Amino acid sequence: MMEGSPYRRLMAIDGQPLLPAKQRQEDQKERRELVHRRSETPEEREARIRKYEKERDQDHLLMAQMASAFKFHLVGEDTIAGHRTYILDAEPDPDYKPVNREAKVLTGMRGKLWIDQDQFHWAKVEAEVIHPVTFGGFLAKVGPGTRFILENEPVSGGTWQPKEFSVQVRSSILFWQHNSSSTDEYSDYRTATSLAKSPPVARTRL
């Protein structure tokens, strides 16, 4: 977090640490961004934080809507990072009505969840697009091959936080294809009182 919203810093490329010249470039980039954010007007700062909170709320909404968008079936058990879990298959519910445009993508997806048997918190979720979902008439389309995997882990006091988030996107806008993939890894969580001294680490692989 930097001045109220996340700052994403390049840490490695293809799993390899940055070369010294690239590391210095990232150091300079981070310092410039810090200076920029600290020089914002109150209106600019509010707009930046509001944009971040909107994106965060959209992500949370999609996760919450999964409970309504799918029908779940218990299919087995597994162990993830030492935690015993139940495995649930998630198939689209034909009666589901998306609450907004972003939630519409759930109508074309299926997934699988791993639920911790002791705390009943989901430890892992996988979802993939099984048939194309269009937005704005024919202007944009999310197609098969789009998938994401999110893993959680307990950090303290029964609180679970993200451990790794991987996403692959296969989409098109008009006649342009867009394919991308990334993996975010999260570690070194701290309590709120120690965030200023040592914030949690998030690493991104593209």
Protein backbone atom coordinates (compact mmCIF):
# COMPACT_ATOMS: atom_id res chain seq x y z
CA MET A 1 0.00 0.00 0.00
CA MET A 2 1.23 3.48 -0.87
CA GLU A 3 -0.69 6.55 0.27
CA GLY A 4 -4.04 4.75 0.42
CA SER A 5 -3.90 2.41 -2.61
CA PRO A 6 -1.64 -0.42 -3.80
CA TYR A 7 1.56 0.15 -5.69
CA ARG A 8 2.63 -2.75 -7.92
CA ARG A 9 6.38 -3.17 -8.26
CA LEU A 10 8.13 -5.53 -10.66
CA MET A 11 10.15 -8.02 -8.58
CA ALA A 12 11.20 -10.71 -11.07
CA ILE A 13 10.82 -11.80 -14.70
CA ASP A 14 10.11 -15.47 -15.42
CA GLY A 15 11.03 -16.28 -11.83
CA GLN A 16 14.47 -14.64 -12.10
CA PRO A 17 15.55 -11.63 -9.98
CA LEU A 18 15.93 -8.36 -11.84
CA LEU A 19 19.33 -7.36 -13.17
CA PRO A 20 20.99 -4.49 -11.23
CA ALA A 21 20.20 -1.91 -13.91
CA LYS A 22 16.54 -2.95 -14.00
CA GLN A 23 16.42 -2.98 -10.19
CA ARG A 24 17.68 0.62 -10.08
CA GLN A 25 15.08 1.56 -12.68
CA GLU A 26 12.32 0.09 -10.51
CA ASP A 27 13.72 1.92 -7.45
CA GLN A 28 13.55 5.22 -9.30
CA LYS A 29 10.06 4.46 -10.59
CA GLU A 30 8.81 3.74 -7.08
CA ARG A 31 10.34 6.94 -5.67
CA ARG A 32 8.78 9.01 -8.45
CA GLU A 33 5.38 7.47 -7.79
CA LEU A 34 5.66 8.18 -4.06
CA VAL A 35 6.53 11.84 -4.76
CA HIS A 36 3.63 12.05 -7.21
CA ARG A 37 1.09 10.63 -4.77
CA ARG A 38 2.24 12.87 -1.94
CA SER A 39 1.86 15.93 -4.16
CA GLU A 40 -1.72 15.13 -5.21
CA THR A 41 -4.54 17.51 -4.46
CA PRO A 42 -7.18 16.21 -2.03
CA GLU A 43 -9.51 15.67 -5.02
CA GLU A 44 -6.90 13.66 -6.95
CA ARG A 45 -6.10 11.52 -3.93
CA GLU A 46 -9.78 10.85 -3.29
CA ALA A 47 -10.34 9.86 -6.95
CA ARG A 48 -7.36 7.47 -6.92
CA ILE A 49 -8.44 5.75 -3.72
CA ARG A 50 -12.07 5.60 -4.87
CA LYS A 51 -10.98 3.89 -8.12
CA TYR A 52 -9.01 1.29 -6.14
CA GLU A 53 -11.90 0.66 -3.76
CA LYS A 54 -14.31 0.25 -6.68
CA GLU A 55 -12.09 -2.38 -8.30
CA ARG A 56 -11.65 -4.16 -4.97
CA ASP A 57 -15.40 -4.18 -4.34
CA GLN A 58 -16.00 -5.62 -7.83
CA ASP A 59 -13.63 -8.49 -7.07
CA HIS A 60 -15.36 -9.14 -3.75
CA LEU A 61 -18.76 -9.00 -5.45
CA LEU A 62 -17.79 -11.70 -7.95
CA MET A 63 -16.62 -13.99 -5.16
CA ALA A 64 -19.82 -13.37 -3.19
CA GLN A 65 -22.00 -13.94 -6.27
CA MET A 66 -20.52 -17.40 -6.78
CA ALA A 67 -22.81 -18.66 -4.02
CA SER A 68 -25.84 -17.62 -6.11
CA ALA A 69 -24.50 -18.25 -9.61
CA PHE A 70 -23.61 -21.94 -9.17
CA LYS A 71 -25.05 -25.21 -7.95
CA PHE A 72 -22.58 -27.05 -5.71
CA HIS A 73 -22.04 -30.78 -5.32
CA LEU A 74 -19.72 -32.52 -2.85
CA VAL A 75 -17.39 -34.75 -4.88
CA GLY A 76 -14.58 -35.72 -2.51
CA GLU A 77 -11.89 -34.69 -0.06
CA ASP A 78 -8.31 -33.48 -0.38
CA THR A 79 -5.43 -32.03 1.64
CA ILE A 80 -4.02 -28.59 0.76
CA ALA A 81 -0.94 -27.31 2.60
CA GLY A 82 -1.69 -29.63 5.49
CA HIS A 83 -5.39 -28.67 5.72
CA ARG A 84 -8.09 -31.28 5.20
CA THR A 85 -10.67 -29.99 2.72
CA TYR A 86 -13.96 -30.90 1.09
CA ILE A 87 -14.07 -30.64 -2.72
CA LEU A 88 -17.15 -29.08 -4.30
CA ASP A 89 -17.95 -28.98 -8.01
CA ALA A 90 -19.69 -25.78 -9.13
CA GLU A 91 -21.93 -25.82 -12.20
CA PRO A 92 -23.79 -22.75 -13.58
CA ASP A 93 -27.29 -22.26 -12.16
CA PRO A 94 -29.59 -21.66 -15.17
CA ASP A 95 -31.89 -19.54 -12.98
CA TYR A 96 -29.14 -17.12 -11.92
CA LYS A 97 -29.68 -13.47 -12.87
CA PRO A 98 -26.45 -11.39 -12.86
CA VAL A 99 -26.59 -8.35 -10.60
CA ASN A 100 -24.35 -6.29 -12.91
CA ARG A 101 -22.28 -6.50 -16.09
CA GLU A 102 -19.21 -7.88 -14.34
CA ALA A 103 -21.19 -10.71 -12.73
CA LYS A 104 -22.46 -11.78 -16.16
CA VAL A 105 -19.19 -13.65 -16.77
CA LEU A 106 -20.24 -16.17 -14.08
CA THR A 107 -23.05 -17.42 -16.33
CA GLY A 108 -20.49 -18.94 -18.68
CA MET A 109 -18.22 -20.48 -16.05
CA ARG A 110 -17.85 -23.62 -14.01
CA GLY A 111 -15.57 -24.16 -11.06
CA LYS A 112 -14.31 -26.18 -8.14
CA LEU A 113 -13.85 -25.21 -4.50
CA TRP A 114 -11.80 -26.66 -1.67
CA ILE A 115 -13.37 -25.95 1.75
CA ASP A 116 -11.34 -26.29 4.96
CA GLN A 117 -12.96 -29.00 7.10
CA ASP A 118 -12.10 -27.35 10.42
CA GLN A 119 -12.87 -23.69 9.78
CA PHE A 120 -15.24 -24.06 6.79
CA HIS A 121 -13.37 -21.34 4.92
CA TRP A 122 -12.56 -21.85 1.28
CA ALA A 123 -8.88 -22.65 0.82
CA LYS A 124 -8.83 -22.72 -2.96
CA VAL A 125 -11.11 -21.96 -5.88
CA GLU A 126 -10.71 -22.68 -9.58
CA ALA A 127 -13.02 -21.36 -12.29
CA GLU A 128 -12.96 -21.43 -16.08
CA VAL A 129 -15.09 -20.09 -18.92
CA ILE A 130 -16.85 -22.94 -20.73
CA HIS A 131 -18.78 -20.89 -23.31
CA PRO A 132 -18.31 -17.31 -24.59
CA VAL A 133 -19.87 -14.42 -22.67
CA THR A 134 -20.50 -11.19 -24.58
CA PHE A 135 -20.69 -7.63 -23.27
CA GLY A 136 -22.17 -4.58 -24.90
CA GLY A 137 -23.92 -6.49 -27.67
CA PHE A 138 -21.14 -7.95 -29.83
CA LEU A 139 -18.42 -5.46 -28.91
CA ALA A 140 -16.55 -7.55 -26.31
CA LYS A 141 -16.37 -11.25 -25.58
CA VAL A 142 -14.70 -13.41 -22.94
CA GLY A 143 -14.02 -16.84 -24.37
CA PRO A 144 -13.12 -20.40 -23.33
CA GLY A 145 -9.59 -20.64 -22.02
CA THR A 146 -10.19 -17.85 -19.53
CA ARG A 147 -9.61 -19.24 -16.04
CA PHE A 148 -8.43 -18.25 -12.60
CA ILE A 149 -7.10 -19.99 -9.52
CA LEU A 150 -7.10 -18.36 -6.10
CA GLU A 151 -5.49 -19.96 -3.05
CA ASN A 152 -5.99 -18.75 0.51
CA GLU A 153 -4.14 -19.56 3.72
CA PRO A 154 -4.75 -18.87 7.42
CA VAL A 155 -2.45 -16.15 8.73
CA SER A 156 -3.58 -15.50 12.34
CA GLY A 157 -6.64 -15.68 14.58
CA GLY A 158 -8.71 -17.61 12.05
CA THR A 159 -8.15 -14.94 9.38
CA TRP A 160 -7.53 -16.20 5.86
CA GLN A 161 -5.70 -14.15 3.26
CA PRO A 162 -4.69 -14.68 -0.40
CA LYS A 163 -1.60 -16.79 -1.04
CA GLU A 164 -1.59 -16.96 -4.84
CA PHE A 165 -3.85 -15.71 -7.60
CA SER A 166 -3.37 -16.88 -11.20
CA VAL A 167 -5.45 -15.68 -14.13
CA GLN A 168 -5.48 -16.40 -17.85
CA VAL A 169 -7.66 -14.25 -20.09
CA ARG A 170 -8.87 -15.05 -23.59
CA SER A 171 -10.99 -12.18 -24.85
CA SER A 172 -11.73 -10.02 -27.85
CA ILE A 173 -12.94 -6.49 -28.50
CA LEU A 174 -14.46 -6.03 -31.93
CA PHE A 175 -11.90 -7.83 -34.14
CA TRP A 176 -8.90 -7.62 -31.80
CA GLN A 177 -7.87 -10.65 -29.76
CA HIS A 178 -6.45 -10.14 -26.27
CA ASN A 179 -4.67 -12.95 -24.43
CA SER A 180 -2.81 -12.49 -21.16
CA SER A 181 -1.75 -14.37 -18.05
CA SER A 182 -0.33 -13.38 -14.68
CA THR A 183 0.31 -14.82 -11.23
CA ASP A 184 0.27 -12.79 -8.01
CA GLU A 185 1.94 -14.28 -4.92
CA TYR A 186 1.29 -12.86 -1.43
CA SER A 187 3.40 -13.40 1.68
CA ASP A 188 4.86 -11.84 4.82
CA TYR A 189 1.55 -10.57 6.25
CA ARG A 190 1.71 -8.15 9.19
CA THR A 191 -0.80 -6.83 11.68
CA ALA A 192 -2.19 -3.34 11.13
CA THR A 193 0.07 -1.85 13.82
CA SER A 194 3.21 -2.95 11.98
CA LEU A 195 2.18 -2.21 8.38
CA ALA A 196 3.98 1.10 8.28
CA LYS A 197 7.27 -0.56 9.19
CA SER A 198 6.98 -3.72 7.12
CA PRO A 199 4.05 -4.09 4.69
CA PRO A 200 3.07 -7.49 3.29
CA VAL A 201 4.79 -8.55 0.12
CA ALA A 202 2.98 -9.08 -3.19
CA ARG A 203 4.88 -10.37 -6.21
CA THR A 204 3.59 -10.51 -9.75
CA ARG A 205 4.71 -12.83 -12.53
CA LEU A 206 3.58 -12.10 -16.11
